[in-house]
Amino acid sequence: MNSFHFNIHPKWNIDDYKALDYKLDIHKSQEDNDKYTNAGHFAQSLTLYNYFEPNQMPESMTYIRQCFDFLKNINVAVNLFTPGQYIPIHYDRYGLYKKINNLSQDSNISRYIVMLEDSEEGQMLYIDQKVYSNWQAGQVYGWQNDTPHTFYNLSVKNRYAVQITGQSC
């Protein structure tokens, strides 16, 4: 199994993350999106909001990055899923990350999601055949390479999380 779970102490002000200028995005694989819409899913639900580097990050991102000192070539982003948003079950291809860091196609890459708030009923994370819910702020979930995963927000509240991408040192 290629998934990980651990905790970091939450030392951030969630309002700093709620105030970011998120951009609406879709899952990058049109083939995956088409598979879901052809099965009856609504395209407008297969979305999320992102906030990427090199945009100015909240001050507490320095602390979050330090919690991942076992990684090199760290890249961070913040993800927002509003109620009703989810993306297809997929695996990450890391195309831009590999290009920026001049990595080969078979590079070993890890991705972690830091939950910024306690979960709400109906918020679920799926990684490699397991579903996670009922997390606390500071819980971290991760995977490597082509591990299948997704997130569902079937709640009535927004879900905010930091996405960390890197390679083992």
N, C-alpha and C. Protein backbone atom coordinates (compact mmCIF):
# COMPACT_ATOMS: atom_id res chain seq x y z
N MET A 1 0.85 -1.19 0.00
CA MET A 1 0.00 0.00 0.00
C MET A 1 0.88 1.24 0.00
N ASN A 2 0.49 2.23 -0.75
CA ASN A 2 1.29 3.44 -0.91
C ASN A 2 0.65 4.65 -0.24
N SER A 3 0.01 4.47 0.92
CA SER A 3 -0.59 5.62 1.58
C SER A 3 0.02 5.80 2.98
N PHE A 4 -0.09 7.03 3.50
CA PHE A 4 0.52 7.40 4.77
C PHE A 4 -0.48 8.22 5.58
N HIS A 5 -0.33 8.19 6.89
CA HIS A 5 -1.19 8.99 7.75
C HIS A 5 -0.42 9.37 9.01
N PHE A 6 -0.38 10.67 9.32
CA PHE A 6 0.24 11.13 10.55
C PHE A 6 -0.37 12.48 10.90
N ASN A 7 0.07 13.09 12.00
CA ASN A 7 -0.49 14.36 12.47
C ASN A 7 0.61 15.41 12.63
N ILE A 8 0.24 16.67 12.40
CA ILE A 8 1.08 17.79 12.79
C ILE A 8 0.22 18.69 13.67
N HIS A 9 0.88 19.44 14.53
CA HIS A 9 0.15 20.33 15.42
C HIS A 9 -0.39 21.51 14.61
N PRO A 10 -1.71 21.77 14.64
CA PRO A 10 -2.25 22.90 13.86
C PRO A 10 -1.85 24.25 14.44
N LYS A 11 -1.00 24.96 13.73
CA LYS A 11 -0.54 26.29 14.13
C LYS A 11 -0.82 27.27 13.00
N TRP A 12 -2.08 27.46 12.69
CA TRP A 12 -2.45 28.38 11.62
C TRP A 12 -3.79 29.01 11.94
N ASN A 13 -4.03 30.10 11.29
CA ASN A 13 -5.31 30.79 11.40
C ASN A 13 -6.09 30.46 10.14
N ILE A 14 -7.15 29.71 10.28
CA ILE A 14 -7.92 29.25 9.11
C ILE A 14 -8.43 30.43 8.28
N ASP A 15 -8.66 31.57 8.92
CA ASP A 15 -9.14 32.73 8.17
C ASP A 15 -8.14 33.18 7.11
N ASP A 16 -6.84 32.96 7.35
CA ASP A 16 -5.82 33.29 6.34
C ASP A 16 -6.02 32.45 5.08
N TYR A 17 -6.46 31.23 5.24
CA TYR A 17 -6.67 30.33 4.10
C TYR A 17 -8.02 30.57 3.43
N LYS A 18 -9.00 30.96 4.21
CA LYS A 18 -10.31 31.27 3.64
C LYS A 18 -10.26 32.53 2.78
N ALA A 19 -9.31 33.41 3.04
CA ALA A 19 -9.22 34.70 2.34
C ALA A 19 -8.42 34.63 1.03
N LEU A 20 -7.87 33.48 0.68
CA LEU A 20 -7.05 33.38 -0.53
C LEU A 20 -7.91 33.54 -1.80
N ASP A 21 -7.27 33.94 -2.87
CA ASP A 21 -7.94 34.17 -4.15
C ASP A 21 -7.94 32.88 -4.98
N TYR A 22 -8.81 31.95 -4.63
CA TYR A 22 -8.88 30.65 -5.29
C TYR A 22 -9.38 30.78 -6.72
N LYS A 23 -8.91 29.86 -7.56
CA LYS A 23 -9.36 29.79 -8.95
C LYS A 23 -10.05 28.45 -9.16
N LEU A 24 -11.19 28.49 -9.85
CA LEU A 24 -11.91 27.26 -10.17
C LEU A 24 -11.08 26.41 -11.13
N ASP A 25 -11.03 25.11 -10.86
CA ASP A 25 -10.22 24.21 -11.67
C ASP A 25 -11.00 22.92 -11.90
N ILE A 26 -10.54 22.16 -12.89
CA ILE A 26 -11.11 20.84 -13.15
C ILE A 26 -9.98 19.83 -13.06
N HIS A 27 -10.35 18.58 -12.89
CA HIS A 27 -9.37 17.49 -12.92
C HIS A 27 -8.71 17.49 -14.30
N LYS A 28 -7.41 17.26 -14.33
CA LYS A 28 -6.62 17.43 -15.55
C LYS A 28 -6.86 16.37 -16.62
N SER A 29 -7.36 15.21 -16.27
CA SER A 29 -7.59 14.15 -17.26
C SER A 29 -8.99 14.27 -17.84
N GLN A 30 -9.08 14.73 -19.07
CA GLN A 30 -10.40 14.84 -19.72
C GLN A 30 -11.03 13.46 -19.89
N GLU A 31 -10.20 12.44 -20.07
CA GLU A 31 -10.72 11.07 -20.19
C GLU A 31 -11.46 10.66 -18.92
N ASP A 32 -10.87 10.96 -17.75
CA ASP A 32 -11.53 10.66 -16.47
C ASP A 32 -12.82 11.47 -16.33
N ASN A 33 -12.76 12.76 -16.66
CA ASN A 33 -13.95 13.62 -16.56
C ASN A 33 -15.06 13.10 -17.46
N ASP A 34 -14.72 12.73 -18.69
CA ASP A 34 -15.73 12.22 -19.63
C ASP A 34 -16.35 10.92 -19.13
N LYS A 35 -15.53 10.06 -18.55
CA LYS A 35 -16.03 8.79 -18.00
C LYS A 35 -17.12 9.06 -16.96
N TYR A 36 -16.90 10.05 -16.11
CA TYR A 36 -17.86 10.38 -15.06
C TYR A 36 -19.10 11.08 -15.62
N THR A 37 -18.91 12.05 -16.50
CA THR A 37 -20.08 12.75 -17.05
C THR A 37 -20.91 11.81 -17.93
N ASN A 38 -20.26 10.91 -18.65
CA ASN A 38 -21.00 9.94 -19.47
C ASN A 38 -21.81 8.97 -18.61
N ALA A 39 -21.39 8.79 -17.36
CA ALA A 39 -22.12 7.92 -16.43
C ALA A 39 -23.23 8.67 -15.69
N GLY A 40 -23.36 10.00 -15.93
CA GLY A 40 -24.44 10.76 -15.33
C GLY A 40 -24.03 11.80 -14.30
N HIS A 41 -22.75 11.92 -14.00
CA HIS A 41 -22.28 12.95 -13.07
C HIS A 41 -22.34 14.31 -13.75
N PHE A 42 -22.60 15.35 -12.96
CA PHE A 42 -22.66 16.70 -13.49
C PHE A 42 -21.26 17.31 -13.57
N ALA A 43 -20.90 17.83 -14.73
CA ALA A 43 -19.56 18.39 -14.95
C ALA A 43 -19.24 19.49 -13.94
N GLN A 44 -20.25 20.30 -13.57
CA GLN A 44 -19.98 21.39 -12.64
C GLN A 44 -19.64 20.89 -11.23
N SER A 45 -19.96 19.64 -10.91
CA SER A 45 -19.59 19.07 -9.62
C SER A 45 -18.16 18.54 -9.63
N LEU A 46 -17.64 18.21 -10.80
CA LEU A 46 -16.31 17.62 -10.94
C LEU A 46 -15.26 18.73 -11.00
N THR A 47 -15.25 19.55 -9.97
CA THR A 47 -14.38 20.73 -9.92
C THR A 47 -13.82 20.90 -8.52
N LEU A 48 -12.88 21.81 -8.38
CA LEU A 48 -12.35 22.23 -7.10
C LEU A 48 -11.77 23.61 -7.28
N TYR A 49 -11.42 24.23 -6.18
CA TYR A 49 -10.75 25.53 -6.21
C TYR A 49 -9.32 25.34 -5.71
N ASN A 50 -8.37 25.99 -6.40
CA ASN A 50 -6.95 25.88 -6.06
C ASN A 50 -6.33 27.24 -5.87
N TYR A 51 -5.27 27.25 -5.11
CA TYR A 51 -4.42 28.43 -4.94
C TYR A 51 -2.99 27.91 -4.92
N PHE A 52 -2.21 28.27 -5.94
CA PHE A 52 -0.88 27.69 -6.15
C PHE A 52 0.25 28.66 -5.89
N GLU A 53 1.42 28.10 -5.56
CA GLU A 53 2.65 28.87 -5.64
C GLU A 53 2.86 29.19 -7.12
N PRO A 54 3.44 30.27 -7.50
CA PRO A 54 4.21 31.22 -6.71
C PRO A 54 3.37 32.31 -6.04
N ASN A 55 2.03 32.17 -6.00
CA ASN A 55 1.21 33.14 -5.28
C ASN A 55 1.68 33.23 -3.83
N GLN A 56 1.50 34.40 -3.23
CA GLN A 56 1.87 34.62 -1.83
C GLN A 56 1.04 33.70 -0.94
N MET A 57 1.72 32.93 -0.11
CA MET A 57 1.06 31.99 0.79
C MET A 57 0.94 32.60 2.18
N PRO A 58 -0.02 32.12 2.98
CA PRO A 58 -0.12 32.58 4.37
C PRO A 58 1.19 32.33 5.12
N GLU A 59 1.46 33.15 6.10
CA GLU A 59 2.70 33.06 6.87
C GLU A 59 2.89 31.67 7.49
N SER A 60 1.81 31.05 7.90
CA SER A 60 1.90 29.74 8.56
C SER A 60 2.35 28.63 7.62
N MET A 61 2.40 28.90 6.32
CA MET A 61 2.86 27.89 5.38
C MET A 61 4.33 27.54 5.65
N THR A 62 5.10 28.47 6.19
CA THR A 62 6.49 28.19 6.56
C THR A 62 6.54 27.06 7.58
N TYR A 63 5.68 27.14 8.60
CA TYR A 63 5.60 26.09 9.62
C TYR A 63 5.18 24.76 8.98
N ILE A 64 4.16 24.79 8.13
CA ILE A 64 3.68 23.55 7.51
C ILE A 64 4.80 22.91 6.69
N ARG A 65 5.51 23.70 5.90
CA ARG A 65 6.63 23.18 5.10
C ARG A 65 7.67 22.52 5.99
N GLN A 66 7.97 23.13 7.14
CA GLN A 66 8.99 22.59 8.04
C GLN A 66 8.60 21.21 8.56
N CYS A 67 7.33 20.93 8.64
CA CYS A 67 6.86 19.62 9.10
C CYS A 67 7.14 18.53 8.07
N PHE A 68 7.57 18.92 6.89
CA PHE A 68 7.87 17.98 5.81
C PHE A 68 9.34 18.03 5.44
N ASP A 69 10.20 18.16 6.46
CA ASP A 69 11.64 18.27 6.21
C ASP A 69 12.26 16.98 5.70
N PHE A 70 11.47 15.92 5.61
CA PHE A 70 11.93 14.65 5.05
C PHE A 70 11.75 14.62 3.52
N LEU A 71 11.26 15.75 2.96
CA LEU A 71 11.07 15.86 1.52
C LEU A 71 11.98 16.92 0.93
N LYS A 72 12.32 16.75 -0.34
CA LYS A 72 13.03 17.78 -1.10
C LYS A 72 12.14 18.19 -2.27
N ASN A 73 12.50 19.28 -2.91
CA ASN A 73 11.72 19.82 -4.04
C ASN A 73 10.25 20.01 -3.67
N ILE A 74 10.01 20.59 -2.51
CA ILE A 74 8.64 20.76 -2.02
C ILE A 74 7.91 21.84 -2.82
N ASN A 75 6.69 21.52 -3.17
CA ASN A 75 5.77 22.46 -3.81
C ASN A 75 4.48 22.41 -3.00
N VAL A 76 3.89 23.59 -2.72
CA VAL A 76 2.65 23.63 -1.95
C VAL A 76 1.54 24.30 -2.74
N ALA A 77 0.34 23.91 -2.42
CA ALA A 77 -0.87 24.51 -2.96
C ALA A 77 -1.94 24.40 -1.88
N VAL A 78 -3.00 25.17 -2.02
CA VAL A 78 -4.13 25.07 -1.10
C VAL A 78 -5.35 24.70 -1.94
N ASN A 79 -6.09 23.71 -1.46
CA ASN A 79 -7.28 23.24 -2.15
C ASN A 79 -8.53 23.58 -1.34
N LEU A 80 -9.54 23.99 -2.05
CA LEU A 80 -10.85 24.26 -1.46
C LEU A 80 -11.88 23.46 -2.23
N PHE A 81 -12.65 22.65 -1.51
CA PHE A 81 -13.79 21.96 -2.08
C PHE A 81 -15.04 22.53 -1.42
N THR A 82 -15.90 23.14 -2.21
CA THR A 82 -17.16 23.65 -1.69
C THR A 82 -18.18 22.51 -1.67
N PRO A 83 -19.30 22.69 -0.96
CA PRO A 83 -20.30 21.62 -0.90
C PRO A 83 -20.71 21.15 -2.31
N GLY A 84 -20.70 19.83 -2.48
CA GLY A 84 -21.11 19.23 -3.74
C GLY A 84 -19.96 19.00 -4.71
N GLN A 85 -18.77 19.49 -4.42
CA GLN A 85 -17.64 19.29 -5.33
C GLN A 85 -16.91 17.99 -5.02
N TYR A 86 -16.44 17.36 -6.06
CA TYR A 86 -15.60 16.17 -5.97
C TYR A 86 -14.92 15.99 -7.31
N ILE A 87 -13.89 15.17 -7.34
CA ILE A 87 -13.23 14.89 -8.61
C ILE A 87 -13.21 13.39 -8.83
N PRO A 88 -13.04 12.93 -10.07
CA PRO A 88 -13.03 11.50 -10.33
C PRO A 88 -11.91 10.79 -9.56
N ILE A 89 -12.14 9.53 -9.26
CA ILE A 89 -11.05 8.72 -8.72
C ILE A 89 -9.96 8.71 -9.80
N HIS A 90 -8.75 9.03 -9.38
CA HIS A 90 -7.67 9.20 -10.35
C HIS A 90 -6.32 8.96 -9.69
N TYR A 91 -5.28 9.02 -10.48
CA TYR A 91 -3.93 9.05 -9.93
C TYR A 91 -3.23 10.27 -10.51
N ASP A 92 -2.31 10.82 -9.73
CA ASP A 92 -1.60 12.02 -10.15
C ASP A 92 -0.50 11.68 -11.13
N ARG A 93 -0.36 12.53 -12.13
CA ARG A 93 0.69 12.34 -13.14
C ARG A 93 1.89 13.25 -12.90
N TYR A 94 1.71 14.29 -12.11
CA TYR A 94 2.80 15.20 -11.69
C TYR A 94 3.54 15.82 -12.87
N GLY A 95 2.88 16.06 -13.97
CA GLY A 95 3.54 16.56 -15.18
C GLY A 95 4.29 17.87 -14.96
N LEU A 96 3.63 18.89 -14.45
CA LEU A 96 4.28 20.18 -14.24
C LEU A 96 5.36 20.07 -13.16
N TYR A 97 5.09 19.33 -12.10
CA TYR A 97 6.07 19.15 -11.03
C TYR A 97 7.35 18.51 -11.58
N LYS A 98 7.20 17.49 -12.40
CA LYS A 98 8.37 16.83 -13.00
C LYS A 98 9.12 17.79 -13.91
N LYS A 99 8.39 18.58 -14.66
CA LYS A 99 9.03 19.53 -15.58
C LYS A 99 9.81 20.60 -14.81
N ILE A 100 9.18 21.20 -13.81
CA ILE A 100 9.82 22.26 -13.01
C ILE A 100 11.08 21.74 -12.32
N ASN A 101 11.03 20.49 -11.83
CA ASN A 101 12.15 19.92 -11.08
C ASN A 101 13.07 19.04 -11.94
N ASN A 102 12.84 19.04 -13.26
CA ASN A 102 13.67 18.29 -14.21
C ASN A 102 13.80 16.82 -13.79
N LEU A 103 12.65 16.17 -13.58
CA LEU A 103 12.62 14.80 -13.12
C LEU A 103 12.22 13.86 -14.25
N SER A 104 12.69 12.63 -14.17
CA SER A 104 12.32 11.63 -15.17
C SER A 104 10.90 11.15 -14.92
N GLN A 105 10.34 10.49 -15.90
CA GLN A 105 8.97 9.99 -15.80
C GLN A 105 8.80 8.96 -14.69
N ASP A 106 9.86 8.24 -14.33
CA ASP A 106 9.74 7.20 -13.31
C ASP A 106 10.21 7.66 -11.93
N SER A 107 10.26 8.96 -11.71
CA SER A 107 10.67 9.50 -10.41
C SER A 107 9.66 9.13 -9.33
N ASN A 108 10.16 8.93 -8.12
CA ASN A 108 9.32 8.59 -6.97
C ASN A 108 8.86 9.89 -6.32
N ILE A 109 7.56 10.16 -6.38
CA ILE A 109 6.99 11.42 -5.89
C ILE A 109 5.90 11.10 -4.87
N SER A 110 5.86 11.92 -3.81
CA SER A 110 4.84 11.77 -2.77
C SER A 110 3.97 13.01 -2.73
N ARG A 111 2.72 12.82 -2.38
CA ARG A 111 1.80 13.93 -2.18
C ARG A 111 1.10 13.73 -0.85
N TYR A 112 0.98 14.84 -0.11
CA TYR A 112 0.34 14.84 1.21
C TYR A 112 -0.74 15.91 1.25
N ILE A 113 -1.80 15.63 1.98
CA ILE A 113 -2.88 16.57 2.20
C ILE A 113 -2.95 16.85 3.70
N VAL A 114 -2.78 18.12 4.08
CA VAL A 114 -2.86 18.56 5.47
C VAL A 114 -4.25 19.15 5.68
N MET A 115 -5.03 18.54 6.53
CA MET A 115 -6.38 19.04 6.80
C MET A 115 -6.28 20.27 7.71
N LEU A 116 -6.84 21.38 7.26
CA LEU A 116 -6.73 22.64 7.99
C LEU A 116 -7.82 22.83 9.04
N GLU A 117 -8.89 22.08 8.93
CA GLU A 117 -10.00 22.15 9.90
C GLU A 117 -10.48 20.73 10.20
N ASP A 118 -11.20 20.59 11.30
CA ASP A 118 -11.87 19.32 11.58
C ASP A 118 -12.87 19.04 10.47
N SER A 119 -13.06 17.75 10.18
CA SER A 119 -13.99 17.39 9.11
C SER A 119 -15.43 17.66 9.51
N GLU A 120 -16.23 17.78 8.51
CA GLU A 120 -17.69 17.89 8.66
C GLU A 120 -18.29 16.59 8.14
N GLU A 121 -19.45 16.24 8.66
CA GLU A 121 -20.14 15.05 8.18
C GLU A 121 -20.36 15.16 6.66
N GLY A 122 -19.91 14.15 5.93
CA GLY A 122 -20.06 14.15 4.48
C GLY A 122 -18.78 14.49 3.72
N GLN A 123 -17.72 14.85 4.43
CA GLN A 123 -16.43 15.10 3.79
C GLN A 123 -15.61 13.82 3.87
N MET A 124 -15.17 13.33 2.70
CA MET A 124 -14.48 12.04 2.65
C MET A 124 -13.29 12.11 1.72
N LEU A 125 -12.24 11.42 2.11
CA LEU A 125 -11.03 11.27 1.32
C LEU A 125 -10.86 9.79 1.03
N TYR A 126 -10.64 9.47 -0.24
CA TYR A 126 -10.46 8.09 -0.67
C TYR A 126 -9.03 7.93 -1.15
N ILE A 127 -8.29 6.98 -0.56
CA ILE A 127 -6.93 6.68 -1.00
C ILE A 127 -6.75 5.17 -1.04
N ASP A 128 -6.44 4.65 -2.21
CA ASP A 128 -6.05 3.25 -2.36
C ASP A 128 -7.02 2.29 -1.66
N GLN A 129 -8.28 2.36 -2.02
CA GLN A 129 -9.33 1.47 -1.52
C GLN A 129 -9.77 1.72 -0.08
N LYS A 130 -9.31 2.84 0.54
CA LYS A 130 -9.75 3.18 1.90
C LYS A 130 -10.40 4.56 1.89
N VAL A 131 -11.45 4.71 2.70
CA VAL A 131 -12.14 5.98 2.84
C VAL A 131 -11.86 6.54 4.23
N TYR A 132 -11.46 7.81 4.26
CA TYR A 132 -11.16 8.49 5.52
C TYR A 132 -12.17 9.62 5.71
N SER A 133 -12.61 9.77 6.95
CA SER A 133 -13.49 10.88 7.33
C SER A 133 -13.25 11.13 8.81
N ASN A 134 -13.98 12.07 9.36
CA ASN A 134 -13.88 12.34 10.80
C ASN A 134 -12.45 12.69 11.24
N TRP A 135 -11.73 13.47 10.42
CA TRP A 135 -10.37 13.88 10.79
C TRP A 135 -10.41 15.14 11.64
N GLN A 136 -9.29 15.40 12.28
CA GLN A 136 -9.09 16.61 13.07
C GLN A 136 -8.10 17.51 12.32
N ALA A 137 -8.18 18.81 12.57
CA ALA A 137 -7.21 19.74 11.97
C ALA A 137 -5.80 19.25 12.29
N GLY A 138 -4.94 19.25 11.30
CA GLY A 138 -3.56 18.81 11.48
C GLY A 138 -3.32 17.38 11.05
N GLN A 139 -4.36 16.62 10.79
CA GLN A 139 -4.14 15.26 10.29
C GLN A 139 -3.66 15.34 8.85
N VAL A 140 -2.73 14.46 8.52
CA VAL A 140 -2.09 14.43 7.22
C VAL A 140 -2.32 13.07 6.59
N TYR A 141 -2.69 13.08 5.32
CA TYR A 141 -2.88 11.86 4.55
C TYR A 141 -2.00 11.97 3.31
N GLY A 142 -1.37 10.88 2.92
CA GLY A 142 -0.48 10.96 1.78
C GLY A 142 -0.44 9.67 0.97
N TRP A 143 0.18 9.78 -0.20
CA TRP A 143 0.34 8.64 -1.10
C TRP A 143 1.55 8.88 -1.98
N GLN A 144 1.95 7.84 -2.69
CA GLN A 144 3.06 7.94 -3.61
C GLN A 144 2.61 7.61 -5.02
N ASN A 145 3.26 8.27 -5.95
CA ASN A 145 3.18 7.96 -7.37
C ASN A 145 1.74 7.82 -7.88
N ASP A 146 1.41 6.66 -8.41
CA ASP A 146 0.13 6.50 -9.09
C ASP A 146 -0.95 5.83 -8.23
N THR A 147 -0.95 6.12 -6.95
CA THR A 147 -1.97 5.59 -6.04
C THR A 147 -3.31 6.24 -6.34
N PRO A 148 -4.37 5.46 -6.57
CA PRO A 148 -5.69 6.06 -6.84
C PRO A 148 -6.24 6.76 -5.60
N HIS A 149 -6.87 7.92 -5.83
CA HIS A 149 -7.40 8.72 -4.72
C HIS A 149 -8.42 9.73 -5.26
N THR A 150 -9.16 10.33 -4.34
CA THR A 150 -10.06 11.43 -4.65
C THR A 150 -10.59 12.04 -3.35
N PHE A 151 -11.36 13.11 -3.49
CA PHE A 151 -12.01 13.74 -2.36
C PHE A 151 -13.46 14.04 -2.74
N TYR A 152 -14.36 13.86 -1.78
CA TYR A 152 -15.78 14.16 -1.96
C TYR A 152 -16.22 15.14 -0.88
N ASN A 153 -16.89 16.19 -1.28
CA ASN A 153 -17.50 17.07 -0.27
C ASN A 153 -19.01 16.96 -0.40
N LEU A 154 -19.56 16.03 0.33
CA LEU A 154 -21.00 15.83 0.36
C LEU A 154 -21.61 16.52 1.58
N SER A 155 -20.83 17.44 2.18
CA SER A 155 -21.28 18.17 3.36
C SER A 155 -21.92 19.49 2.94
N VAL A 156 -22.21 20.31 3.93
CA VAL A 156 -22.76 21.65 3.66
C VAL A 156 -21.74 22.74 4.01
N LYS A 157 -20.47 22.35 4.21
CA LYS A 157 -19.40 23.28 4.57
C LYS A 157 -18.22 23.13 3.61
N ASN A 158 -17.45 24.18 3.47
CA ASN A 158 -16.23 24.13 2.66
C ASN A 158 -15.18 23.27 3.35
N ARG A 159 -14.30 22.66 2.54
CA ARG A 159 -13.16 21.92 3.08
C ARG A 159 -11.88 22.56 2.55
N TYR A 160 -10.99 22.94 3.46
CA TYR A 160 -9.72 23.57 3.12
C TYR A 160 -8.58 22.63 3.50
N ALA A 161 -7.61 22.49 2.60
CA ALA A 161 -6.46 21.64 2.89
C ALA A 161 -5.24 22.13 2.12
N VAL A 162 -4.07 21.89 2.69
CA VAL A 162 -2.81 22.20 2.02
C VAL A 162 -2.34 20.93 1.33
N GLN A 163 -1.91 21.09 0.10
CA GLN A 163 -1.37 19.98 -0.69
C GLN A 163 0.15 20.17 -0.78
N ILE A 164 0.89 19.14 -0.34
CA ILE A 164 2.35 19.14 -0.35
C ILE A 164 2.82 18.09 -1.35
N THR A 165 3.67 18.47 -2.28
CA THR A 165 4.26 17.53 -3.22
C THR A 165 5.76 17.57 -3.05
N GLY A 166 6.40 16.40 -3.03
CA GLY A 166 7.85 16.36 -2.88
C GLY A 166 8.40 14.97 -3.10
N GLN A 167 9.70 14.88 -2.91
CA GLN A 167 10.41 13.62 -3.04
C GLN A 167 11.16 13.33 -1.74
N SER A 168 11.30 12.06 -1.40
CA SER A 168 12.05 11.71 -0.20
C SER A 168 13.49 12.17 -0.32
N CYS A 169 14.03 12.68 0.78
CA CYS A 169 15.44 13.14 0.80
C CYS A 169 16.38 11.97 0.77
